[in-house]
Amino acid sequence: MLKGRAGLLAVVALSLPVAAAGAQGSGPMSCASAPAPQMAAFDTTRVGELVGAFEIIMIDTTSIRGSARQHAGKLALWLQDSVPRRRGSTARRTQKQFLVGSYDAAPSDTGEVWRRMASRATDAPGAFWSDGFIRLGEFGQNSGISLYPRQVSANEIRGMWTTSAGIGIVVDFTGDREPDEAGFFCARRMR
């Protein structure tokens, strides 16, 4: 993940079930791109309700191999009063505080980018709320992941994700645009 590669965008069905380790004894977690019937549309005025610890699965629907890859880990989100210094220009307040956090990737995802996402430092947290999304890692090409919550319930968040930082495009040595990794995610609140 987070390495450039050329290829075609794979078309993936709207409902792709994937199983992964579930929250403490609650069984396997399934993740589908479609919202569950009991979920409501995400409202950015209620960002503070995202505080908590989650198990998360990100399904990569841009895989050029024809099958979806997945990334898994644990996401912790909390509120703090101080602005994250390194993220000061892009971190946004939720009411009077900043939503920040950390992401601990599963052992299959390694490297400096993933380690930065795990930072719990108040001045440089590994995750932070920005304009309508949670950024894991840094801004910049191949430096992080943006999570866009779309549906929520008391115990789950579902949405879309991308590695695109929204600040430019990357081309390979032939001049073709390299696709950003992207897909959908499910996050289950841990008890």
N, C-alpha and C. Protein backbone atom coordinates (compact mmCIF):
# COMPACT_ATOMS: atom_id res chain seq x y z
N MET A 1 0.83 -1.18 0.00
CA MET A 1 0.00 0.00 0.00
C MET A 1 0.87 1.23 0.00
N LEU A 2 0.32 2.32 -0.44
CA LEU A 2 0.97 3.61 -0.47
C LEU A 2 2.23 3.62 -1.32
N LYS A 3 2.28 2.77 -2.32
CA LYS A 3 3.34 2.83 -3.32
C LYS A 3 2.65 2.98 -4.66
N GLY A 4 3.17 3.83 -5.52
CA GLY A 4 2.55 4.08 -6.81
C GLY A 4 2.54 2.83 -7.66
N ARG A 5 1.49 2.71 -8.48
CA ARG A 5 1.44 1.62 -9.44
C ARG A 5 0.47 2.02 -10.53
N ALA A 6 0.79 1.68 -11.75
CA ALA A 6 -0.07 1.99 -12.88
C ALA A 6 -1.05 0.84 -13.07
N GLY A 7 -2.18 1.14 -13.60
CA GLY A 7 -3.15 0.08 -13.87
C GLY A 7 -4.53 0.65 -14.09
N LEU A 8 -5.44 -0.21 -14.38
CA LEU A 8 -6.81 0.18 -14.62
C LEU A 8 -7.62 0.07 -13.35
N LEU A 9 -8.62 0.90 -13.24
CA LEU A 9 -9.52 0.86 -12.10
C LEU A 9 -10.43 -0.35 -12.25
N ALA A 10 -10.44 -1.20 -11.26
CA ALA A 10 -11.28 -2.38 -11.29
C ALA A 10 -12.69 -2.02 -10.89
N VAL A 11 -13.65 -2.56 -11.59
CA VAL A 11 -15.04 -2.35 -11.25
C VAL A 11 -15.42 -3.40 -10.23
N VAL A 12 -15.96 -2.95 -9.12
CA VAL A 12 -16.29 -3.86 -8.03
C VAL A 12 -17.78 -3.75 -7.73
N ALA A 13 -18.39 -4.87 -7.43
CA ALA A 13 -19.81 -4.88 -7.09
C ALA A 13 -20.06 -4.03 -5.86
N LEU A 14 -21.26 -3.49 -5.74
CA LEU A 14 -21.58 -2.62 -4.61
C LEU A 14 -21.59 -3.32 -3.28
N SER A 15 -21.77 -4.59 -3.25
CA SER A 15 -21.78 -5.30 -1.97
C SER A 15 -20.76 -6.41 -2.01
N LEU A 16 -19.63 -6.17 -1.36
CA LEU A 16 -18.53 -7.12 -1.35
C LEU A 16 -18.28 -7.55 0.08
N PRO A 17 -18.77 -8.72 0.51
CA PRO A 17 -18.57 -9.12 1.90
C PRO A 17 -17.13 -9.55 2.15
N VAL A 18 -16.61 -9.14 3.28
CA VAL A 18 -15.26 -9.51 3.69
C VAL A 18 -15.30 -9.77 5.18
N ALA A 19 -14.68 -10.83 5.63
CA ALA A 19 -14.66 -11.14 7.06
C ALA A 19 -13.30 -10.79 7.64
N ALA A 20 -13.31 -10.32 8.87
CA ALA A 20 -12.06 -10.04 9.58
C ALA A 20 -12.34 -10.23 11.07
N ALA A 21 -11.30 -10.10 11.86
CA ALA A 21 -11.46 -10.27 13.30
C ALA A 21 -12.43 -9.24 13.84
N GLY A 22 -13.34 -9.65 14.66
CA GLY A 22 -14.37 -8.77 15.20
C GLY A 22 -13.96 -8.19 16.55
N ALA A 23 -14.82 -7.33 17.05
CA ALA A 23 -14.57 -6.73 18.35
C ALA A 23 -14.80 -7.76 19.44
N GLN A 24 -14.07 -7.67 20.48
CA GLN A 24 -14.03 -8.58 21.61
C GLN A 24 -15.22 -9.54 21.70
N GLY A 25 -15.08 -10.70 21.11
CA GLY A 25 -16.05 -11.75 21.26
C GLY A 25 -17.35 -11.56 20.49
N SER A 26 -17.45 -10.55 19.64
CA SER A 26 -18.70 -10.31 18.94
C SER A 26 -18.75 -11.00 17.59
N GLY A 27 -17.78 -11.83 17.29
CA GLY A 27 -17.79 -12.57 16.03
C GLY A 27 -17.11 -11.81 14.91
N PRO A 28 -17.05 -12.44 13.74
CA PRO A 28 -16.38 -11.80 12.62
C PRO A 28 -17.12 -10.55 12.15
N MET A 29 -16.36 -9.58 11.73
CA MET A 29 -16.93 -8.33 11.23
C MET A 29 -17.09 -8.45 9.72
N SER A 30 -18.25 -8.13 9.21
CA SER A 30 -18.42 -8.12 7.77
C SER A 30 -18.44 -6.67 7.33
N CYS A 31 -17.99 -6.44 6.12
CA CYS A 31 -17.90 -5.08 5.62
C CYS A 31 -18.44 -5.06 4.20
N ALA A 32 -19.43 -4.26 3.96
CA ALA A 32 -20.00 -4.11 2.63
C ALA A 32 -20.06 -2.62 2.30
N SER A 33 -19.96 -2.29 1.04
CA SER A 33 -19.97 -0.89 0.65
C SER A 33 -21.33 -0.24 0.86
N ALA A 34 -22.40 -1.02 0.86
CA ALA A 34 -23.74 -0.48 1.07
C ALA A 34 -24.01 -0.32 2.57
N PRO A 35 -24.75 0.72 2.96
CA PRO A 35 -25.05 0.90 4.38
C PRO A 35 -26.03 -0.15 4.87
N ALA A 36 -25.92 -0.48 6.14
CA ALA A 36 -26.89 -1.37 6.77
C ALA A 36 -28.18 -0.57 6.95
N PRO A 37 -29.35 -1.22 6.93
CA PRO A 37 -30.62 -0.50 7.03
C PRO A 37 -30.76 0.39 8.27
N GLN A 38 -30.17 0.01 9.40
CA GLN A 38 -30.33 0.78 10.63
C GLN A 38 -29.35 1.95 10.73
N MET A 39 -28.53 2.18 9.73
CA MET A 39 -27.54 3.26 9.79
C MET A 39 -28.11 4.56 9.22
N ALA A 40 -27.67 5.68 9.81
CA ALA A 40 -28.09 7.00 9.36
C ALA A 40 -26.96 7.66 8.58
N ALA A 41 -27.30 8.62 7.75
CA ALA A 41 -26.29 9.38 7.02
C ALA A 41 -25.44 10.17 8.01
N PHE A 42 -24.14 10.25 7.76
CA PHE A 42 -23.23 10.97 8.64
C PHE A 42 -23.46 12.46 8.52
N ASP A 43 -23.50 13.14 9.65
CA ASP A 43 -23.71 14.57 9.73
C ASP A 43 -22.47 15.19 10.37
N THR A 44 -21.78 16.07 9.67
CA THR A 44 -20.51 16.62 10.18
C THR A 44 -20.70 17.48 11.43
N THR A 45 -21.92 17.85 11.77
CA THR A 45 -22.13 18.61 13.01
C THR A 45 -22.03 17.71 14.23
N ARG A 46 -21.97 16.39 14.04
CA ARG A 46 -21.90 15.44 15.15
C ARG A 46 -20.56 14.72 15.18
N VAL A 47 -19.51 15.39 14.75
CA VAL A 47 -18.18 14.79 14.69
C VAL A 47 -17.73 14.30 16.06
N GLY A 48 -18.08 15.01 17.11
CA GLY A 48 -17.68 14.63 18.47
C GLY A 48 -18.14 13.23 18.86
N GLU A 49 -19.19 12.72 18.22
CA GLU A 49 -19.68 11.38 18.52
C GLU A 49 -18.77 10.28 17.98
N LEU A 50 -17.76 10.65 17.18
CA LEU A 50 -16.82 9.67 16.65
C LEU A 50 -15.75 9.28 17.67
N VAL A 51 -15.72 9.95 18.81
CA VAL A 51 -14.73 9.64 19.84
C VAL A 51 -14.91 8.19 20.29
N GLY A 52 -13.79 7.47 20.37
CA GLY A 52 -13.84 6.09 20.82
C GLY A 52 -12.76 5.25 20.17
N ALA A 53 -12.82 3.95 20.41
CA ALA A 53 -11.86 3.00 19.84
C ALA A 53 -12.62 2.09 18.88
N PHE A 54 -12.02 1.86 17.71
CA PHE A 54 -12.66 1.09 16.66
C PHE A 54 -11.71 0.07 16.06
N GLU A 55 -12.26 -1.07 15.65
CA GLU A 55 -11.55 -1.98 14.76
C GLU A 55 -12.01 -1.57 13.37
N ILE A 56 -11.06 -1.47 12.44
CA ILE A 56 -11.39 -0.95 11.12
C ILE A 56 -10.86 -1.87 10.03
N ILE A 57 -11.63 -1.98 8.98
CA ILE A 57 -11.24 -2.72 7.78
C ILE A 57 -11.39 -1.75 6.61
N MET A 58 -10.34 -1.63 5.78
CA MET A 58 -10.39 -0.83 4.57
C MET A 58 -10.25 -1.77 3.38
N ILE A 59 -11.24 -1.78 2.51
CA ILE A 59 -11.23 -2.63 1.33
C ILE A 59 -10.77 -1.79 0.15
N ASP A 60 -9.69 -2.21 -0.51
CA ASP A 60 -9.13 -1.50 -1.66
C ASP A 60 -9.83 -2.01 -2.92
N THR A 61 -10.66 -1.16 -3.53
CA THR A 61 -11.37 -1.56 -4.74
C THR A 61 -10.63 -1.16 -6.01
N THR A 62 -9.42 -0.64 -5.89
CA THR A 62 -8.65 -0.23 -7.07
C THR A 62 -7.58 -1.24 -7.44
N SER A 63 -7.59 -2.40 -6.81
CA SER A 63 -6.57 -3.41 -7.06
C SER A 63 -6.56 -3.83 -8.52
N ILE A 64 -5.41 -3.79 -9.16
CA ILE A 64 -5.32 -4.18 -10.56
C ILE A 64 -5.24 -5.68 -10.74
N ARG A 65 -5.16 -6.40 -9.63
CA ARG A 65 -5.09 -7.86 -9.71
C ARG A 65 -6.47 -8.49 -9.87
N GLY A 66 -7.52 -7.71 -9.81
CA GLY A 66 -8.87 -8.23 -9.98
C GLY A 66 -9.54 -8.66 -8.70
N SER A 67 -8.82 -8.72 -7.61
CA SER A 67 -9.45 -9.07 -6.34
C SER A 67 -9.14 -7.95 -5.34
N ALA A 68 -10.09 -7.70 -4.48
CA ALA A 68 -9.94 -6.61 -3.51
C ALA A 68 -8.94 -6.99 -2.43
N ARG A 69 -8.05 -6.05 -2.09
CA ARG A 69 -7.13 -6.20 -0.96
C ARG A 69 -7.76 -5.52 0.23
N GLN A 70 -7.29 -5.85 1.41
CA GLN A 70 -7.80 -5.16 2.58
C GLN A 70 -6.67 -4.80 3.53
N HIS A 71 -6.94 -3.75 4.29
CA HIS A 71 -6.04 -3.30 5.35
C HIS A 71 -6.88 -3.27 6.62
N ALA A 72 -6.30 -3.66 7.71
CA ALA A 72 -7.03 -3.70 8.98
C ALA A 72 -6.18 -3.10 10.09
N GLY A 73 -6.84 -2.67 11.15
CA GLY A 73 -6.13 -2.13 12.29
C GLY A 73 -7.08 -1.60 13.33
N LYS A 74 -6.53 -0.81 14.24
CA LYS A 74 -7.32 -0.23 15.32
C LYS A 74 -7.18 1.29 15.26
N LEU A 75 -8.32 1.97 15.29
CA LEU A 75 -8.38 3.42 15.24
C LEU A 75 -8.89 3.93 16.57
N ALA A 76 -8.16 4.84 17.19
CA ALA A 76 -8.59 5.48 18.45
C ALA A 76 -8.73 6.97 18.18
N LEU A 77 -9.88 7.56 18.57
CA LEU A 77 -10.14 8.99 18.36
C LEU A 77 -10.52 9.63 19.69
N TRP A 78 -9.97 10.82 19.95
CA TRP A 78 -10.27 11.55 21.18
C TRP A 78 -10.28 13.04 20.88
N LEU A 79 -10.79 13.83 21.82
CA LEU A 79 -10.82 15.29 21.70
C LEU A 79 -9.70 15.87 22.53
N GLN A 80 -9.07 16.93 22.04
CA GLN A 80 -8.05 17.65 22.81
C GLN A 80 -8.22 19.15 22.54
N ASP A 81 -7.78 19.94 23.50
CA ASP A 81 -7.92 21.39 23.40
C ASP A 81 -6.86 22.03 22.52
N SER A 82 -5.65 21.49 22.54
CA SER A 82 -4.55 22.12 21.81
C SER A 82 -4.58 21.74 20.33
N VAL A 83 -4.21 22.72 19.51
CA VAL A 83 -4.15 22.48 18.07
C VAL A 83 -2.91 21.62 17.78
N PRO A 84 -3.05 20.59 16.95
CA PRO A 84 -1.87 19.81 16.58
C PRO A 84 -0.93 20.70 15.75
N ARG A 85 0.25 21.01 16.25
CA ARG A 85 1.15 21.97 15.60
C ARG A 85 1.45 21.62 14.16
N ARG A 86 1.87 20.40 13.90
CA ARG A 86 2.22 20.03 12.52
C ARG A 86 0.99 19.95 11.63
N ARG A 87 -0.20 19.91 12.21
CA ARG A 87 -1.43 19.80 11.43
C ARG A 87 -2.27 21.07 11.58
N GLY A 88 -1.71 22.11 12.18
CA GLY A 88 -2.47 23.31 12.52
C GLY A 88 -3.22 23.95 11.38
N SER A 89 -2.68 23.91 10.19
CA SER A 89 -3.35 24.57 9.06
C SER A 89 -4.47 23.71 8.47
N THR A 90 -4.49 22.41 8.76
CA THR A 90 -5.50 21.54 8.16
C THR A 90 -6.43 20.90 9.17
N ALA A 91 -6.06 20.85 10.45
CA ALA A 91 -6.93 20.28 11.48
C ALA A 91 -8.09 21.25 11.72
N ARG A 92 -9.28 20.72 11.89
CA ARG A 92 -10.47 21.55 12.12
C ARG A 92 -11.07 21.23 13.48
N ARG A 93 -11.61 22.26 14.10
CA ARG A 93 -12.26 22.10 15.40
C ARG A 93 -13.61 21.43 15.22
N THR A 94 -13.98 20.66 16.23
CA THR A 94 -15.34 20.17 16.35
C THR A 94 -15.87 20.82 17.61
N GLN A 95 -16.68 21.82 17.45
CA GLN A 95 -17.11 22.70 18.51
C GLN A 95 -15.88 23.43 19.03
N LYS A 96 -15.41 23.17 20.25
CA LYS A 96 -14.28 23.93 20.78
C LYS A 96 -13.00 23.11 20.89
N GLN A 97 -13.02 21.86 20.42
CA GLN A 97 -11.85 21.00 20.54
C GLN A 97 -11.49 20.41 19.18
N PHE A 98 -10.35 19.74 19.16
CA PHE A 98 -9.89 19.08 17.94
C PHE A 98 -10.06 17.58 18.10
N LEU A 99 -10.62 16.92 17.09
CA LEU A 99 -10.72 15.47 17.08
C LEU A 99 -9.41 14.94 16.50
N VAL A 100 -8.68 14.21 17.29
CA VAL A 100 -7.40 13.65 16.87
C VAL A 100 -7.36 12.17 17.27
N GLY A 101 -6.33 11.46 16.85
CA GLY A 101 -6.24 10.06 17.23
C GLY A 101 -5.01 9.38 16.69
N SER A 102 -5.10 8.06 16.65
CA SER A 102 -4.00 7.24 16.16
C SER A 102 -4.58 6.02 15.46
N TYR A 103 -3.79 5.47 14.55
CA TYR A 103 -4.19 4.26 13.83
C TYR A 103 -3.05 3.25 13.93
N ASP A 104 -3.34 2.10 14.53
CA ASP A 104 -2.36 1.02 14.64
C ASP A 104 -2.68 -0.01 13.57
N ALA A 105 -1.85 -0.07 12.54
CA ALA A 105 -2.08 -0.98 11.41
C ALA A 105 -1.74 -2.42 11.80
N ALA A 106 -2.42 -3.35 11.16
CA ALA A 106 -2.11 -4.77 11.34
C ALA A 106 -0.68 -5.03 10.87
N PRO A 107 -0.02 -6.07 11.38
CA PRO A 107 1.38 -6.34 11.04
C PRO A 107 1.66 -6.47 9.53
N SER A 108 0.66 -6.78 8.73
CA SER A 108 0.91 -6.91 7.29
C SER A 108 1.22 -5.57 6.63
N ASP A 109 0.85 -4.46 7.25
CA ASP A 109 1.17 -3.12 6.73
C ASP A 109 2.32 -2.56 7.54
N THR A 110 3.45 -2.35 6.89
CA THR A 110 4.63 -1.86 7.58
C THR A 110 5.23 -0.68 6.84
N GLY A 111 6.11 0.04 7.50
CA GLY A 111 6.81 1.16 6.89
C GLY A 111 6.61 2.44 7.68
N GLU A 112 7.35 3.45 7.32
CA GLU A 112 7.35 4.73 8.04
C GLU A 112 5.98 5.40 8.01
N VAL A 113 5.27 5.35 6.88
CA VAL A 113 3.95 5.98 6.79
C VAL A 113 3.01 5.39 7.83
N TRP A 114 3.00 4.06 7.94
CA TRP A 114 2.12 3.38 8.90
C TRP A 114 2.55 3.71 10.33
N ARG A 115 3.84 3.83 10.60
CA ARG A 115 4.30 4.17 11.95
C ARG A 115 3.88 5.58 12.34
N ARG A 116 3.90 6.52 11.39
CA ARG A 116 3.47 7.90 11.70
C ARG A 116 1.98 7.93 12.06
N MET A 117 1.18 7.05 11.45
CA MET A 117 -0.25 7.01 11.76
C MET A 117 -0.50 6.57 13.20
N ALA A 118 0.44 5.86 13.80
CA ALA A 118 0.29 5.36 15.17
C ALA A 118 0.69 6.38 16.22
N SER A 119 1.16 7.56 15.84
CA SER A 119 1.61 8.57 16.79
C SER A 119 0.48 9.03 17.71
N ARG A 120 0.77 9.10 19.00
CA ARG A 120 -0.20 9.57 19.98
C ARG A 120 0.22 10.92 20.57
N ALA A 121 1.23 11.54 20.00
CA ALA A 121 1.72 12.84 20.49
C ALA A 121 0.66 13.92 20.29
N THR A 122 0.47 14.79 21.28
CA THR A 122 -0.55 15.83 21.16
C THR A 122 -0.24 16.84 20.07
N ASP A 123 1.05 17.10 19.81
CA ASP A 123 1.39 18.07 18.77
C ASP A 123 1.46 17.45 17.37
N ALA A 124 1.51 16.13 17.28
CA ALA A 124 1.58 15.46 15.97
C ALA A 124 0.86 14.11 16.03
N PRO A 125 -0.45 14.12 16.27
CA PRO A 125 -1.17 12.84 16.34
C PRO A 125 -1.19 12.16 14.98
N GLY A 126 -1.34 10.85 14.99
CA GLY A 126 -1.35 10.08 13.75
C GLY A 126 -2.61 10.24 12.94
N ALA A 127 -3.69 10.77 13.53
CA ALA A 127 -4.95 11.00 12.83
C ALA A 127 -5.54 12.32 13.31
N PHE A 128 -6.29 13.00 12.44
CA PHE A 128 -6.95 14.24 12.84
C PHE A 128 -8.12 14.52 11.91
N TRP A 129 -9.11 15.24 12.43
CA TRP A 129 -10.29 15.63 11.67
C TRP A 129 -9.94 16.87 10.84
N SER A 130 -10.27 16.82 9.56
CA SER A 130 -10.08 17.96 8.67
C SER A 130 -11.44 18.29 8.06
N ASP A 131 -11.49 18.89 6.92
CA ASP A 131 -12.74 19.33 6.30
C ASP A 131 -13.58 18.16 5.79
N GLY A 132 -14.33 17.50 6.68
CA GLY A 132 -15.23 16.44 6.28
C GLY A 132 -14.63 15.05 6.25
N PHE A 133 -13.40 14.89 6.74
CA PHE A 133 -12.76 13.57 6.74
C PHE A 133 -11.75 13.46 7.85
N ILE A 134 -11.38 12.21 8.16
CA ILE A 134 -10.32 11.93 9.12
C ILE A 134 -9.08 11.59 8.31
N ARG A 135 -8.01 12.32 8.54
CA ARG A 135 -6.75 12.03 7.83
C ARG A 135 -5.87 11.19 8.74
N LEU A 136 -5.46 10.03 8.22
CA LEU A 136 -4.49 9.17 8.91
C LEU A 136 -3.14 9.46 8.28
N GLY A 137 -2.16 9.84 9.07
CA GLY A 137 -0.84 10.15 8.53
C GLY A 137 -0.75 11.62 8.13
N GLU A 138 0.05 11.87 7.12
CA GLU A 138 0.35 13.23 6.67
C GLU A 138 -0.41 13.55 5.38
N PHE A 139 -0.40 14.83 5.00
CA PHE A 139 -0.84 15.21 3.67
C PHE A 139 0.36 15.10 2.76
N GLY A 140 0.13 14.82 1.51
CA GLY A 140 1.19 14.62 0.55
C GLY A 140 0.99 13.28 -0.15
N GLN A 141 1.52 13.18 -1.32
CA GLN A 141 1.35 11.96 -2.10
C GLN A 141 1.98 10.76 -1.39
N ASN A 142 1.26 9.66 -1.30
CA ASN A 142 1.72 8.43 -0.66
C ASN A 142 2.13 8.63 0.79
N SER A 143 1.44 9.55 1.50
CA SER A 143 1.80 9.85 2.88
C SER A 143 0.71 9.56 3.89
N GLY A 144 -0.47 9.14 3.43
CA GLY A 144 -1.54 8.88 4.37
C GLY A 144 -2.82 8.45 3.68
N ILE A 145 -3.87 8.36 4.48
CA ILE A 145 -5.18 7.91 4.02
C ILE A 145 -6.24 8.86 4.55
N SER A 146 -7.22 9.19 3.73
CA SER A 146 -8.36 9.99 4.15
C SER A 146 -9.58 9.09 4.27
N LEU A 147 -10.22 9.11 5.45
CA LEU A 147 -11.45 8.35 5.70
C LEU A 147 -12.63 9.32 5.64
N TYR A 148 -13.59 9.04 4.77
CA TYR A 148 -14.78 9.88 4.62
C TYR A 148 -15.99 9.13 5.19
N PRO A 149 -16.39 9.42 6.45
CA PRO A 149 -17.56 8.74 7.01
C PRO A 149 -18.81 9.10 6.21
N ARG A 150 -19.63 8.10 5.91
CA ARG A 150 -20.87 8.32 5.15
C ARG A 150 -22.11 7.85 5.91
N GLN A 151 -21.99 6.75 6.67
CA GLN A 151 -23.11 6.22 7.44
C GLN A 151 -22.61 5.89 8.85
N VAL A 152 -23.48 6.11 9.83
CA VAL A 152 -23.10 5.83 11.22
C VAL A 152 -24.26 5.17 11.96
N SER A 153 -23.91 4.42 12.97
CA SER A 153 -24.86 3.91 13.95
C SER A 153 -24.16 4.02 15.29
N ALA A 154 -24.79 3.57 16.34
CA ALA A 154 -24.18 3.66 17.67
C ALA A 154 -22.87 2.87 17.75
N ASN A 155 -22.73 1.81 16.95
CA ASN A 155 -21.56 0.94 17.06
C ASN A 155 -20.73 0.83 15.80
N GLU A 156 -21.07 1.53 14.74
CA GLU A 156 -20.35 1.34 13.48
C GLU A 156 -20.31 2.61 12.65
N ILE A 157 -19.22 2.73 11.89
CA ILE A 157 -19.06 3.82 10.92
C ILE A 157 -18.72 3.15 9.59
N ARG A 158 -19.33 3.60 8.51
CA ARG A 158 -18.99 3.12 7.17
C ARG A 158 -18.77 4.31 6.26
N GLY A 159 -17.90 4.13 5.29
CA GLY A 159 -17.64 5.22 4.37
C GLY A 159 -16.64 4.84 3.30
N MET A 160 -16.06 5.85 2.68
CA MET A 160 -15.09 5.68 1.60
C MET A 160 -13.71 6.14 2.10
N TRP A 161 -12.65 5.63 1.47
CA TRP A 161 -11.29 6.07 1.80
C TRP A 161 -10.48 6.21 0.53
N THR A 162 -9.43 7.00 0.62
CA THR A 162 -8.51 7.19 -0.51
C THR A 162 -7.13 7.60 0.01
N THR A 163 -6.10 7.28 -0.75
CA THR A 163 -4.76 7.76 -0.41
C THR A 163 -4.50 9.13 -1.01
N SER A 164 -5.39 9.60 -1.86
CA SER A 164 -5.22 10.90 -2.50
C SER A 164 -5.20 11.99 -1.45
N ALA A 165 -4.24 12.86 -1.57
CA ALA A 165 -4.16 14.00 -0.65
C ALA A 165 -4.93 15.19 -1.20
N GLY A 166 -5.42 15.07 -2.43
CA GLY A 166 -6.19 16.15 -3.03
C GLY A 166 -5.36 17.34 -3.46
N ILE A 167 -4.04 17.17 -3.56
CA ILE A 167 -3.19 18.32 -3.90
C ILE A 167 -2.44 18.14 -5.21
N GLY A 168 -2.69 17.08 -5.92
CA GLY A 168 -2.01 16.86 -7.19
C GLY A 168 -2.19 15.43 -7.66
N ILE A 169 -1.61 15.12 -8.80
CA ILE A 169 -1.65 13.76 -9.31
C ILE A 169 -0.23 13.26 -9.54
N VAL A 170 -0.07 11.96 -9.54
CA VAL A 170 1.23 11.35 -9.77
C VAL A 170 1.18 10.65 -11.12
N VAL A 171 2.24 10.82 -11.90
CA VAL A 171 2.34 10.13 -13.18
C VAL A 171 3.54 9.19 -13.13
N ASP A 172 3.44 8.08 -13.87
CA ASP A 172 4.58 7.16 -13.91
C ASP A 172 5.55 7.61 -14.99
N PHE A 173 6.59 6.85 -15.23
CA PHE A 173 7.64 7.25 -16.16
C PHE A 173 7.15 7.36 -17.61
N THR A 174 6.01 6.75 -17.93
CA THR A 174 5.46 6.84 -19.30
C THR A 174 4.57 8.06 -19.47
N GLY A 175 4.26 8.75 -18.38
CA GLY A 175 3.38 9.90 -18.43
C GLY A 175 1.94 9.58 -18.10
N ASP A 176 1.63 8.29 -17.88
CA ASP A 176 0.28 7.91 -17.50
C ASP A 176 0.04 8.23 -16.03
N ARG A 177 -1.18 8.64 -15.71
CA ARG A 177 -1.54 8.93 -14.32
C ARG A 177 -1.61 7.62 -13.54
N GLU A 178 -0.99 7.62 -12.37
CA GLU A 178 -1.07 6.46 -11.49
C GLU A 178 -2.32 6.60 -10.64
N PRO A 179 -3.10 5.53 -10.53
CA PRO A 179 -4.33 5.64 -9.73
C PRO A 179 -4.02 5.71 -8.23
N ASP A 180 -4.83 6.48 -7.53
CA ASP A 180 -4.74 6.50 -6.07
C ASP A 180 -5.46 5.26 -5.56
N GLU A 181 -4.94 4.70 -4.48
CA GLU A 181 -5.66 3.58 -3.87
C GLU A 181 -6.89 4.15 -3.20
N ALA A 182 -7.99 3.41 -3.27
CA ALA A 182 -9.25 3.88 -2.71
C ALA A 182 -10.19 2.70 -2.53
N GLY A 183 -11.26 2.93 -1.79
CA GLY A 183 -12.25 1.89 -1.58
C GLY A 183 -13.23 2.30 -0.50
N PHE A 184 -13.74 1.33 0.22
CA PHE A 184 -14.68 1.60 1.29
C PHE A 184 -14.15 1.02 2.59
N PHE A 185 -14.69 1.51 3.73
CA PHE A 185 -14.23 1.02 5.02
C PHE A 185 -15.41 0.80 5.96
N CYS A 186 -15.18 -0.04 6.95
CA CYS A 186 -16.12 -0.28 8.04
C CYS A 186 -15.32 -0.21 9.33
N ALA A 187 -15.85 0.48 10.32
CA ALA A 187 -15.20 0.59 11.62
C ALA A 187 -16.22 0.22 12.69
N ARG A 188 -15.91 -0.78 13.49
CA ARG A 188 -16.81 -1.23 14.57
C ARG A 188 -16.25 -0.77 15.90
N ARG A 189 -17.12 -0.12 16.68
CA ARG A 189 -16.72 0.36 18.00
C ARG A 189 -16.37 -0.81 18.88
N MET A 190 -15.22 -0.75 19.57
CA MET A 190 -14.80 -1.80 20.47
C MET A 190 -15.39 -1.54 21.84
N ARG A 191 -15.78 -2.57 22.53
CA ARG A 191 -16.40 -2.45 23.86
C ARG A 191 -15.36 -2.42 24.94
